[in-house]
Amino acid sequence: GIPVARMVEGEIQKLVRMEERLGERVVGQEDAVRLVANAVRRAKSGMKDPGRPIGSFLFMGPTGVGKTELSRALSQFLFDDESAMVRLDMSEYMEKHSVARMIGAPPGYVGYEEGGALTEVVRRKPYTVILFDEVEKAHPDVFHVLLQILEDGRLTDGKGRTVDFRNTVVILTSNVGSHWIQELSGKGEDVVRKKVMEELRREFHPEFLNRLDEIILFRSLGREELARIISIMLRELNDRLADRKITVTVTEPARERLAEIGYDPTYGARPLRRAIQKHLQDPLALLILKGEFREGDSVLVDADGNTGFSFRKS
């Protein structure tokens, strides 16, 4: 971490208000946001082991509730760059030989020149958020690599170079036990956590779990959270249309219909973005191209009939 004395006033203020900043993008996961913010502040104020990554987290929970979004938001917050996030899908690392793909093949083997999918990225971009998705699917040898990052803050790649992970944030996601989060959603945090942890301990080695800064549970999203996510997405849409000086207002019945179409108990809020694309952006793009809405217009979107949407100037 950067010593507090050397931090600019602006950066200190930013860290103090970190929950607020991340919460603008990640809805309904206040506990997760708080735990991540606390860990980052510990690192930045010099309280963590300087030889380890800035933070290491295991994000638990069902699909589409904000695990990837929090990773992206953290990347934007820490490194001013959402693309400073590397995502590795662990279902592609199920075989013993997949370690070579991650850290690079040793001399004389196929792929030696290319370097590793993980080590190459971090070598070139040492300030980054690394997302290991569905980590339970990885081969045990891949876990040795992860353990090495968490313990030593560095890896040796296939070419014998040391790659420094001390300026990275390591995030692992897992669906292990996430059915408990859905099944026991009204039962209180402690009950859910106990069940999830029991399943985690059966799945992962204690030395791996003990190395993580935080094991974080993401809750299932309700109607209220969906409404807030829709507001965020509509704000993004208006930001994109700002160049054309067109503003879009969506009525309450239309928002409710979007929530209905875009929510799926299995995939959480993931289908919501597609629903907004299909029912709002696509027809709107067509109307703008046809010249029905022009620069300076305000568009009112309302629910129409049983399933549709109407677009008119307001």
Protein backbone atom coordinates (compact mmCIF):
# COMPACT_ATOMS: atom_id res chain seq x y z
CA GLY A 1 0.00 0.00 0.00
CA ILE A 2 0.95 3.64 -0.41
CA PRO A 3 1.85 5.23 2.95
CA VAL A 4 -0.96 7.53 4.11
CA ALA A 5 1.46 10.45 4.42
CA ARG A 6 2.18 10.27 0.68
CA MET A 7 -1.46 10.01 -0.38
CA VAL A 8 -3.07 12.99 -2.00
CA GLU A 9 -5.99 14.53 -0.11
CA GLY A 10 -8.34 13.53 -2.94
CA GLU A 11 -7.34 9.88 -2.69
CA ILE A 12 -7.89 9.82 1.07
CA GLN A 13 -11.39 11.27 0.61
CA LYS A 14 -12.07 8.73 -2.13
CA LEU A 15 -11.09 5.84 0.17
CA VAL A 16 -13.18 7.22 3.02
CA ARG A 17 -16.24 7.32 0.74
CA MET A 18 -15.48 4.06 -1.00
CA GLU A 19 -18.78 2.33 -0.08
CA GLU A 20 -20.72 5.21 -1.59
CA ARG A 21 -18.77 5.05 -4.85
CA LEU A 22 -19.05 1.28 -5.26
CA GLY A 23 -22.70 1.32 -4.16
CA GLU A 24 -23.56 3.56 -7.12
CA ARG A 25 -22.99 0.53 -9.32
CA VAL A 26 -23.56 -2.49 -7.09
CA VAL A 27 -27.11 -2.72 -5.81
CA GLY A 28 -28.41 -4.56 -2.75
CA GLN A 29 -25.03 -5.92 -1.62
CA GLU A 30 -24.15 -3.45 1.14
CA ASP A 31 -22.32 -6.08 3.24
CA ALA A 32 -20.17 -7.20 0.33
CA VAL A 33 -19.30 -3.60 -0.57
CA ARG A 34 -18.42 -2.77 3.06
CA LEU A 35 -16.14 -5.81 3.50
CA VAL A 36 -14.28 -5.08 0.25
CA ALA A 37 -13.90 -1.39 1.16
CA ASN A 38 -12.55 -2.23 4.62
CA ALA A 39 -9.96 -4.64 3.19
CA VAL A 40 -8.78 -2.07 0.61
CA ARG A 41 -8.51 0.63 3.30
CA ARG A 42 -6.45 -1.73 5.48
CA ALA A 43 -4.07 -2.31 2.58
CA LYS A 44 -3.82 1.36 1.63
CA SER A 45 -3.10 2.47 5.20
CA GLY A 46 -0.21 0.03 5.49
CA MET A 47 -1.84 -2.60 7.73
CA LYS A 48 -1.50 -5.57 5.42
CA ASP A 49 1.46 -7.80 4.64
CA PRO A 50 3.29 -5.85 1.87
CA GLY A 51 4.30 -9.12 0.20
CA ARG A 52 0.73 -10.13 -0.60
CA PRO A 53 -1.92 -8.82 -3.03
CA ILE A 54 -3.90 -5.65 -2.10
CA GLY A 55 -6.88 -7.86 -1.31
CA SER A 56 -8.11 -11.41 -1.85
CA PHE A 57 -11.79 -12.28 -1.77
CA LEU A 58 -14.02 -15.26 -2.37
CA PHE A 59 -17.38 -14.05 -3.68
CA MET A 60 -20.16 -16.56 -3.00
CA GLY A 61 -23.68 -16.43 -4.32
CA PRO A 62 -26.11 -17.14 -7.13
CA THR A 63 -25.66 -15.94 -10.73
CA GLY A 64 -26.51 -12.36 -11.69
CA VAL A 65 -26.48 -10.69 -8.28
CA GLY A 66 -23.46 -8.39 -8.69
CA LYS A 67 -20.26 -10.43 -8.18
CA THR A 68 -18.73 -9.48 -11.55
CA GLU A 69 -20.17 -5.96 -11.35
CA LEU A 70 -18.45 -5.36 -7.99
CA SER A 71 -15.18 -6.64 -9.50
CA ARG A 72 -15.55 -4.17 -12.40
CA ALA A 73 -16.52 -1.32 -10.09
CA LEU A 74 -13.47 -2.05 -7.92
CA SER A 75 -11.24 -2.01 -10.98
CA GLN A 76 -12.66 1.39 -11.98
CA PHE A 77 -12.33 2.69 -8.41
CA LEU A 78 -8.73 1.58 -7.77
CA PHE A 79 -7.17 1.89 -11.21
CA ASP A 80 -9.54 4.34 -12.98
CA ASP A 81 -10.00 1.70 -15.62
CA GLU A 82 -12.73 -0.89 -15.86
CA SER A 83 -10.67 -2.78 -18.41
CA ALA A 84 -7.96 -3.26 -15.76
CA MET A 85 -9.85 -6.44 -14.90
CA VAL A 86 -8.78 -9.85 -16.15
CA ARG A 87 -11.37 -12.63 -16.06
CA LEU A 88 -10.28 -16.25 -16.14
CA ASP A 89 -13.01 -18.85 -16.54
CA MET A 90 -11.93 -21.74 -14.31
CA SER A 91 -14.02 -24.25 -16.26
CA GLU A 92 -11.25 -23.92 -18.87
CA TYR A 93 -8.63 -24.96 -16.29
CA MET A 94 -9.95 -28.37 -15.25
CA GLU A 95 -7.06 -30.45 -16.63
CA LYS A 96 -3.64 -31.00 -15.06
CA HIS A 97 -1.86 -29.44 -18.05
CA SER A 98 -3.93 -26.23 -17.81
CA VAL A 99 -1.41 -24.80 -15.32
CA ALA A 100 0.94 -24.35 -18.30
CA ARG A 101 -1.75 -22.28 -20.01
CA MET A 102 -2.01 -20.08 -16.97
CA ILE A 103 1.69 -19.43 -16.26
CA GLY A 104 3.20 -20.33 -19.65
CA ALA A 105 4.69 -23.56 -20.97
CA PRO A 106 8.24 -24.51 -19.99
CA PRO A 107 11.04 -24.32 -22.62
CA GLY A 108 10.73 -26.86 -25.42
CA TYR A 109 6.96 -27.19 -25.08
CA VAL A 110 4.21 -25.95 -27.38
CA GLY A 111 3.12 -22.41 -26.48
CA TYR A 112 6.41 -21.48 -24.78
CA GLU A 113 6.68 -18.27 -26.81
CA GLU A 114 3.17 -17.08 -25.95
CA GLY A 115 3.59 -16.91 -22.17
CA GLY A 116 0.78 -17.58 -19.70
CA ALA A 117 -2.79 -16.29 -19.88
CA LEU A 118 -2.44 -14.96 -16.33
CA THR A 119 1.26 -14.15 -15.92
CA GLU A 120 1.56 -12.29 -19.24
CA VAL A 121 -1.35 -9.97 -18.44
CA VAL A 122 -0.08 -9.16 -14.94
CA ARG A 123 3.50 -8.75 -16.14
CA ARG A 124 2.34 -6.08 -18.60
CA LYS A 125 -0.33 -4.57 -16.35
CA PRO A 126 0.70 -5.05 -12.71
CA TYR A 127 -2.14 -2.87 -11.37
CA THR A 128 -5.15 -5.04 -12.02
CA VAL A 129 -8.16 -6.89 -10.65
CA ILE A 130 -8.04 -10.62 -11.42
CA LEU A 131 -11.34 -12.49 -11.43
CA PHE A 132 -11.11 -16.29 -11.22
CA ASP A 133 -14.63 -17.31 -12.13
CA GLU A 134 -16.18 -20.52 -10.73
CA VAL A 135 -12.98 -21.44 -8.95
CA GLU A 136 -14.35 -24.79 -7.71
CA LYS A 137 -13.97 -26.13 -11.28
CA ALA A 138 -10.19 -25.61 -11.38
CA HIS A 139 -7.75 -28.54 -11.26
CA PRO A 140 -5.99 -29.04 -7.87
CA ASP A 141 -2.67 -28.01 -9.49
CA VAL A 142 -4.25 -24.68 -10.42
CA PHE A 143 -5.05 -24.21 -6.72
CA HIS A 144 -1.33 -24.50 -5.95
CA VAL A 145 -0.76 -21.58 -8.29
CA LEU A 146 -3.52 -19.56 -6.59
CA LEU A 147 -2.12 -20.37 -3.17
CA GLN A 148 1.29 -19.16 -4.27
CA ILE A 149 -0.19 -15.81 -5.41
CA LEU A 150 -2.07 -15.42 -2.11
CA GLU A 151 0.93 -16.37 0.05
CA ASP A 152 3.93 -14.91 -1.78
CA GLY A 153 2.41 -12.22 -4.01
CA ARG A 154 4.41 -13.51 -6.96
CA LEU A 155 4.70 -16.32 -9.51
CA THR A 156 7.46 -17.64 -11.72
CA ASP A 157 6.31 -18.02 -15.32
CA GLY A 158 7.33 -20.63 -17.90
CA LYS A 159 10.30 -18.50 -18.95
CA GLY A 160 11.63 -18.30 -15.41
CA ARG A 161 10.61 -14.64 -14.89
CA THR A 162 9.14 -13.50 -11.60
CA VAL A 163 5.75 -11.84 -11.98
CA ASP A 164 4.70 -9.48 -9.18
CA PHE A 165 1.09 -9.74 -7.89
CA ARG A 166 1.41 -7.28 -4.98
CA ASN A 167 -0.55 -4.56 -6.80
CA THR A 168 -3.38 -6.83 -7.84
CA VAL A 169 -6.73 -7.58 -6.24
CA VAL A 170 -7.56 -11.28 -6.42
CA ILE A 171 -11.26 -12.16 -6.61
CA LEU A 172 -12.51 -15.73 -6.82
CA THR A 173 -16.16 -16.51 -7.42
CA SER A 174 -17.90 -19.73 -6.54
CA ASN A 175 -21.41 -21.16 -6.77
CA VAL A 176 -20.68 -23.73 -4.04
CA GLY A 177 -23.48 -23.54 -1.49
CA SER A 178 -25.22 -20.73 -3.33
CA HIS A 179 -28.48 -22.72 -3.35
CA TRP A 180 -28.58 -22.11 0.42
CA ILE A 181 -28.54 -18.35 -0.18
CA GLN A 182 -31.70 -18.73 -2.28
CA GLU A 183 -33.41 -21.38 -0.15
CA LEU A 184 -32.79 -19.65 3.19
CA SER A 185 -33.21 -16.07 1.92
CA GLY A 186 -35.49 -15.02 4.81
CA LYS A 187 -33.55 -16.84 7.54
CA GLY A 188 -30.90 -14.33 8.57
CA GLU A 189 -27.24 -13.97 7.66
CA ASP A 190 -25.81 -16.32 10.34
CA VAL A 191 -27.91 -19.33 9.40
CA VAL A 192 -27.10 -18.94 5.69
CA ARG A 193 -23.40 -18.36 6.32
CA LYS A 194 -23.13 -21.47 8.53
CA LYS A 195 -24.62 -23.67 5.79
CA VAL A 196 -22.50 -22.14 3.01
CA MET A 197 -19.29 -22.42 5.08
CA GLU A 198 -19.98 -26.10 5.83
CA GLU A 199 -20.20 -26.78 2.12
CA LEU A 200 -17.13 -24.63 1.38
CA ARG A 201 -15.02 -26.57 3.87
CA ARG A 202 -15.99 -29.81 2.17
CA GLU A 203 -14.99 -28.40 -1.22
CA PHE A 204 -11.81 -26.39 -0.50
CA HIS A 205 -8.66 -27.00 1.57
CA PRO A 206 -8.40 -25.03 4.83
CA GLU A 207 -4.99 -23.55 3.86
CA PHE A 208 -6.65 -22.03 0.81
CA LEU A 209 -9.67 -20.61 2.70
CA ASN A 210 -7.44 -19.26 5.50
CA ARG A 211 -5.34 -17.34 3.01
CA LEU A 212 -8.27 -15.19 1.82
CA ASP A 213 -8.93 -11.76 3.30
CA GLU A 214 -12.69 -12.21 3.18
CA ILE A 215 -15.28 -14.82 2.22
CA ILE A 216 -18.25 -12.74 1.09
CA LEU A 217 -21.85 -13.83 0.63
CA PHE A 218 -23.97 -12.07 -2.01
CA ARG A 219 -27.70 -12.13 -1.38
CA SER A 220 -30.43 -12.84 -3.90
CA LEU A 221 -32.00 -9.69 -5.34
CA GLY A 222 -35.59 -8.61 -4.70
CA ARG A 223 -38.03 -6.34 -6.56
CA GLU A 224 -36.69 -3.19 -4.90
CA GLU A 225 -33.11 -3.91 -5.98
CA LEU A 226 -34.26 -4.63 -9.53
CA ALA A 227 -35.96 -1.23 -9.70
CA ARG A 228 -32.67 0.40 -8.64
CA ILE A 229 -30.69 -1.58 -11.23
CA ILE A 230 -33.15 -0.48 -13.93
CA SER A 231 -32.58 3.16 -12.85
CA ILE A 232 -28.80 2.71 -13.17
CA MET A 233 -29.14 1.16 -16.64
CA LEU A 234 -31.50 3.90 -17.82
CA ARG A 235 -29.06 6.52 -16.56
CA GLU A 236 -26.34 4.80 -18.65
CA LEU A 237 -28.68 4.91 -21.68
CA ASN A 238 -29.27 8.63 -21.22
CA ASP A 239 -25.52 9.23 -20.84
CA ARG A 240 -24.98 7.54 -24.20
CA LEU A 241 -27.71 9.60 -25.86
CA ALA A 242 -26.38 12.88 -24.40
CA ASP A 243 -24.33 13.54 -27.59
CA ARG A 244 -27.55 13.47 -29.64
CA LYS A 245 -29.26 15.67 -27.01
CA ILE A 246 -32.08 13.13 -26.68
CA THR A 247 -33.44 12.27 -23.24
CA VAL A 248 -35.44 9.15 -22.38
CA THR A 249 -37.96 8.98 -19.54
CA VAL A 250 -39.49 5.63 -18.61
CA THR A 251 -42.80 5.52 -16.74
CA GLU A 252 -43.34 3.40 -13.62
CA PRO A 253 -45.58 0.82 -15.45
CA ALA A 254 -42.89 0.45 -18.14
CA ARG A 255 -40.19 -0.03 -15.48
CA GLU A 256 -42.29 -2.69 -13.78
CA ARG A 257 -42.74 -4.48 -17.09
CA LEU A 258 -38.96 -4.40 -17.72
CA ALA A 259 -38.38 -5.88 -14.25
CA GLU A 260 -40.88 -8.63 -15.01
CA ILE A 261 -39.28 -9.50 -18.37
CA GLY A 262 -35.69 -9.09 -17.15
CA TYR A 263 -35.72 -11.00 -13.89
CA ASP A 264 -35.09 -14.70 -13.67
CA PRO A 265 -34.70 -16.52 -10.31
CA THR A 266 -31.87 -18.62 -11.79
CA TYR A 267 -29.93 -15.88 -13.57
CA GLY A 268 -30.73 -12.95 -11.29
CA ALA A 269 -30.52 -9.57 -13.00
CA ARG A 270 -28.39 -10.86 -15.87
CA PRO A 271 -31.29 -10.98 -18.41
CA LEU A 272 -32.23 -7.38 -17.47
CA ARG A 273 -29.59 -5.76 -19.67
CA ARG A 274 -30.77 -7.87 -22.61
CA ALA A 275 -34.41 -6.94 -21.90
CA ILE A 276 -33.52 -3.22 -21.96
CA GLN A 277 -31.59 -3.72 -25.20
CA LYS A 278 -34.40 -5.62 -26.91
CA HIS A 279 -37.43 -3.64 -25.71
CA LEU A 280 -35.93 -0.16 -25.36
CA GLN A 281 -32.67 0.36 -27.22
CA ASP A 282 -33.50 -1.59 -30.41
CA PRO A 283 -36.87 0.06 -31.14
CA LEU A 284 -35.48 3.45 -30.08
CA ALA A 285 -32.49 3.10 -32.42
CA LEU A 286 -34.86 2.39 -35.29
CA LEU A 287 -37.06 5.40 -34.46
CA ILE A 288 -34.01 7.70 -34.23
CA LEU A 289 -32.70 6.45 -37.60
CA LYS A 290 -36.12 6.95 -39.20
CA GLY A 291 -36.02 10.54 -37.97
CA GLU A 292 -39.04 10.22 -35.67
CA PHE A 293 -36.94 11.46 -32.76
CA ARG A 294 -34.40 14.21 -33.36
CA GLU A 295 -31.80 16.21 -31.50
CA GLY A 296 -33.36 17.98 -28.52
CA ASP A 297 -36.34 15.61 -28.23
CA SER A 298 -37.57 14.06 -25.00
CA VAL A 299 -38.87 10.51 -25.38
CA LEU A 300 -41.48 9.07 -23.03
CA VAL A 301 -41.55 5.28 -22.83
CA ASP A 302 -44.70 3.69 -21.43
CA ALA A 303 -46.14 0.17 -21.09
CA ASP A 304 -48.41 -0.58 -24.01
CA GLY A 305 -51.00 -3.39 -24.19
CA ASN A 306 -50.13 -6.54 -22.28
CA THR A 307 -46.52 -7.01 -23.31
CA GLY A 308 -45.33 -4.06 -25.39
CA PHE A 309 -43.90 -0.56 -24.96
CA SER A 310 -44.89 2.74 -26.55
CA PHE A 311 -42.52 5.58 -27.50
CA ARG A 312 -43.70 9.17 -27.93
CA LYS A 313 -42.38 12.71 -27.70
CA SER A 314 -43.04 14.31 -24.35
